[in-house]
Amino acid sequence: GIPFHYSNMDSVSSVTPTFIPSTSAALREPSPPKLEGKLQTMGNALKVNWVKQDDGGSPIKHYLIRYRAKHVSDWKPEIRLPHGSEYVVLSSLDWNTE
């Protein structure tokens, strides 16, 4: 995951692109997107933007978003977003949590 640090809340997020399989011999895993987090006005929500990188030679099918508090082993339920998505807003986050 990628940590984002804020004065009243920290969050760890990761975005995983999933690609459409192809018969191409050059097919490979897509590169992780570049992530940027921005705290929202309500304070316990985080908007995570991403910029698609190398798609691995096949179109991105969708994005899977997982996040969790650093001190907890269980991830929140996975969020699946369409291939054209560029951000997700993680809301109702716990206060003072990394």
C-alpha atoms as a PDB file:
ATOM      1  CA  GLY A   1       0.000   0.000   0.000  1.00  0.00           C
ATOM      2  CA  ILE A   2       0.918   3.663  -0.281  1.00  0.00           C
ATOM      3  CA  PRO A   3       0.719   5.721   2.938  1.00  0.00           C
ATOM      4  CA  PHE A   4      -0.803   9.193   2.975  1.00  0.00           C
ATOM      5  CA  HIS A   5      -0.050  11.258   6.073  1.00  0.00           C
ATOM      6  CA  TYR A   6      -2.335  13.971   7.438  1.00  0.00           C
ATOM      7  CA  SER A   7      -2.471  15.833  10.718  1.00  0.00           C
ATOM      8  CA  ASN A   8      -5.760  14.298  11.871  1.00  0.00           C
ATOM      9  CA  MET A   9      -5.844  11.013   9.940  1.00  0.00           C
ATOM     10  CA  ASP A  10      -3.580   8.649   8.049  1.00  0.00           C
ATOM     11  CA  SER A  11      -4.724   6.143   5.475  1.00  0.00           C
ATOM     12  CA  VAL A  12      -3.109   3.371   3.497  1.00  0.00           C
ATOM     13  CA  SER A  13      -4.506   2.650   0.055  1.00  0.00           C
ATOM     14  CA  SER A  14      -3.650   0.454  -2.869  1.00  0.00           C
ATOM     15  CA  VAL A  15      -5.098   0.289  -6.353  1.00  0.00           C
ATOM     16  CA  THR A  16      -4.613  -2.806  -8.497  1.00  0.00           C
ATOM     17  CA  PRO A  17      -5.408  -2.726 -12.220  1.00  0.00           C
ATOM     18  CA  THR A  18      -6.776  -5.914 -13.781  1.00  0.00           C
ATOM     19  CA  PHE A  19      -6.250  -6.438 -17.474  1.00  0.00           C
ATOM     20  CA  ILE A  20      -8.123  -8.404 -20.147  1.00  0.00           C
ATOM     21  CA  PRO A  21      -6.184 -11.578 -21.085  1.00  0.00           C
ATOM     22  CA  SER A  22      -4.905 -11.799 -24.623  1.00  0.00           C
ATOM     23  CA  THR A  23      -3.135 -14.383 -26.762  1.00  0.00           C
ATOM     24  CA  SER A  24      -0.170 -12.042 -27.203  1.00  0.00           C
ATOM     25  CA  ALA A  25       3.160 -13.561 -26.145  1.00  0.00           C
ATOM     26  CA  ALA A  26       4.292 -10.142 -24.881  1.00  0.00           C
ATOM     27  CA  LEU A  27       1.508 -10.000 -22.289  1.00  0.00           C
ATOM     28  CA  ARG A  28       2.665  -9.016 -18.803  1.00  0.00           C
ATOM     29  CA  GLU A  29       1.301  -7.624 -15.556  1.00  0.00           C
ATOM     30  CA  PRO A  30       0.281  -3.945 -15.798  1.00  0.00           C
ATOM     31  CA  SER A  31       2.392  -1.418 -13.910  1.00  0.00           C
ATOM     32  CA  PRO A  32       0.867  -0.067 -10.679  1.00  0.00           C
ATOM     33  CA  PRO A  33      -0.841   3.303 -11.141  1.00  0.00           C
ATOM     34  CA  LYS A  34       0.613   6.445  -9.571  1.00  0.00           C
ATOM     35  CA  LEU A  35      -1.503   7.358  -6.525  1.00  0.00           C
ATOM     36  CA  GLU A  36      -2.269  10.706  -4.895  1.00  0.00           C
ATOM     37  CA  GLY A  37      -4.485  11.172  -1.850  1.00  0.00           C
ATOM     38  CA  LYS A  38      -6.374  14.303  -0.817  1.00  0.00           C
ATOM     39  CA  LEU A  39      -8.204  14.716   2.482  1.00  0.00           C
ATOM     40  CA  GLN A  40     -11.803  15.820   1.952  1.00  0.00           C
ATOM     41  CA  THR A  41     -13.521  18.678   3.788  1.00  0.00           C
ATOM     42  CA  MET A  42     -15.404  16.387   6.197  1.00  0.00           C
ATOM     43  CA  GLY A  43     -12.017  15.201   7.489  1.00  0.00           C
ATOM     44  CA  ASN A  44     -12.629  11.455   7.614  1.00  0.00           C
ATOM     45  CA  ALA A  45     -12.787  10.872   3.858  1.00  0.00           C
ATOM     46  CA  LEU A  46      -9.935  10.549   1.407  1.00  0.00           C
ATOM     47  CA  LYS A  47     -10.080  11.008  -2.352  1.00  0.00           C
ATOM     48  CA  VAL A  48      -7.490   8.800  -4.030  1.00  0.00           C
ATOM     49  CA  ASN A  49      -6.644   9.716  -7.627  1.00  0.00           C
ATOM     50  CA  TRP A  50      -4.527   7.520  -9.859  1.00  0.00           C
ATOM     51  CA  VAL A  51      -2.777   7.871 -13.183  1.00  0.00           C
ATOM     52  CA  LYS A  52      -2.636   4.744 -15.342  1.00  0.00           C
ATOM     53  CA  GLN A  53       0.866   3.553 -16.221  1.00  0.00           C
ATOM     54  CA  ASP A  54       1.914   0.803 -18.637  1.00  0.00           C
ATOM     55  CA  ASP A  55      -1.096  -1.492 -19.249  1.00  0.00           C
ATOM     56  CA  GLY A  56       1.046  -4.593 -19.806  1.00  0.00           C
ATOM     57  CA  GLY A  57       0.106  -4.912 -23.469  1.00  0.00           C
ATOM     58  CA  SER A  58      -3.629  -5.446 -22.942  1.00  0.00           C
ATOM     59  CA  PRO A  59      -6.458  -3.021 -22.055  1.00  0.00           C
ATOM     60  CA  ILE A  60      -7.240  -2.483 -18.365  1.00  0.00           C
ATOM     61  CA  LYS A  61     -10.508  -4.268 -17.534  1.00  0.00           C
ATOM     62  CA  HIS A  62     -11.208  -2.707 -14.125  1.00  0.00           C
ATOM     63  CA  TYR A  63      -9.581  -1.440 -10.941  1.00  0.00           C
ATOM     64  CA  LEU A  64      -9.730  -3.189  -7.566  1.00  0.00           C
ATOM     65  CA  ILE A  65      -9.329  -0.942  -4.509  1.00  0.00           C
ATOM     66  CA  ARG A  66      -8.460  -2.313  -1.074  1.00  0.00           C
ATOM     67  CA  TYR A  67      -7.626  -0.419   2.110  1.00  0.00           C
ATOM     68  CA  ARG A  68      -7.263  -1.072   5.821  1.00  0.00           C
ATOM     69  CA  ALA A  69      -6.059   0.537   9.009  1.00  0.00           C
ATOM     70  CA  LYS A  70      -2.359  -0.138   9.531  1.00  0.00           C
ATOM     71  CA  HIS A  71      -2.872  -1.807  12.928  1.00  0.00           C
ATOM     72  CA  VAL A  72      -5.666  -4.102  11.645  1.00  0.00           C
ATOM     73  CA  SER A  73      -4.951  -7.240   9.620  1.00  0.00           C
ATOM     74  CA  ASP A  74      -8.309  -7.386   7.816  1.00  0.00           C
ATOM     75  CA  TRP A  75      -8.863  -5.354   4.650  1.00  0.00           C
ATOM     76  CA  LYS A  76     -12.125  -3.485   4.072  1.00  0.00           C
ATOM     77  CA  PRO A  77     -14.383  -5.020   1.384  1.00  0.00           C
ATOM     78  CA  GLU A  78     -12.825  -4.701  -2.058  1.00  0.00           C
ATOM     79  CA  ILE A  79     -14.177  -1.952  -4.333  1.00  0.00           C
ATOM     80  CA  ARG A  80     -14.306  -2.656  -8.082  1.00  0.00           C
ATOM     81  CA  LEU A  81     -14.392   0.292 -10.481  1.00  0.00           C
ATOM     82  CA  PRO A  82     -14.660   0.379 -14.291  1.00  0.00           C
ATOM     83  CA  HIS A  83     -11.556   0.698 -16.493  1.00  0.00           C
ATOM     84  CA  GLY A  84     -12.077   4.406 -17.167  1.00  0.00           C
ATOM     85  CA  SER A  85     -12.136   5.380 -13.482  1.00  0.00           C
ATOM     86  CA  GLU A  86      -9.527   7.840 -12.234  1.00  0.00           C
ATOM     87  CA  TYR A  87     -10.361   8.131  -8.521  1.00  0.00           C
ATOM     88  CA  VAL A  88     -12.230   6.697  -5.542  1.00  0.00           C
ATOM     89  CA  VAL A  89     -13.480   8.475  -2.415  1.00  0.00           C
ATOM     90  CA  LEU A  90     -12.930   6.441   0.752  1.00  0.00           C
ATOM     91  CA  SER A  91     -15.457   7.772   3.262  1.00  0.00           C
ATOM     92  CA  SER A  92     -16.455   7.133   6.906  1.00  0.00           C
ATOM     93  CA  LEU A  93     -12.826   6.396   7.768  1.00  0.00           C
ATOM     94  CA  ASP A  94     -11.741   6.018  11.377  1.00  0.00           C
ATOM     95  CA  TRP A  95     -10.288   9.166  12.946  1.00  0.00           C
ATOM     96  CA  ASN A  96      -6.666   9.322  14.051  1.00  0.00           C
ATOM     97  CA  THR A  97      -5.856   6.114  12.234  1.00  0.00           C
ATOM     98  CA  GLU A  98      -2.944   5.213  10.007  1.00  0.00           C
END
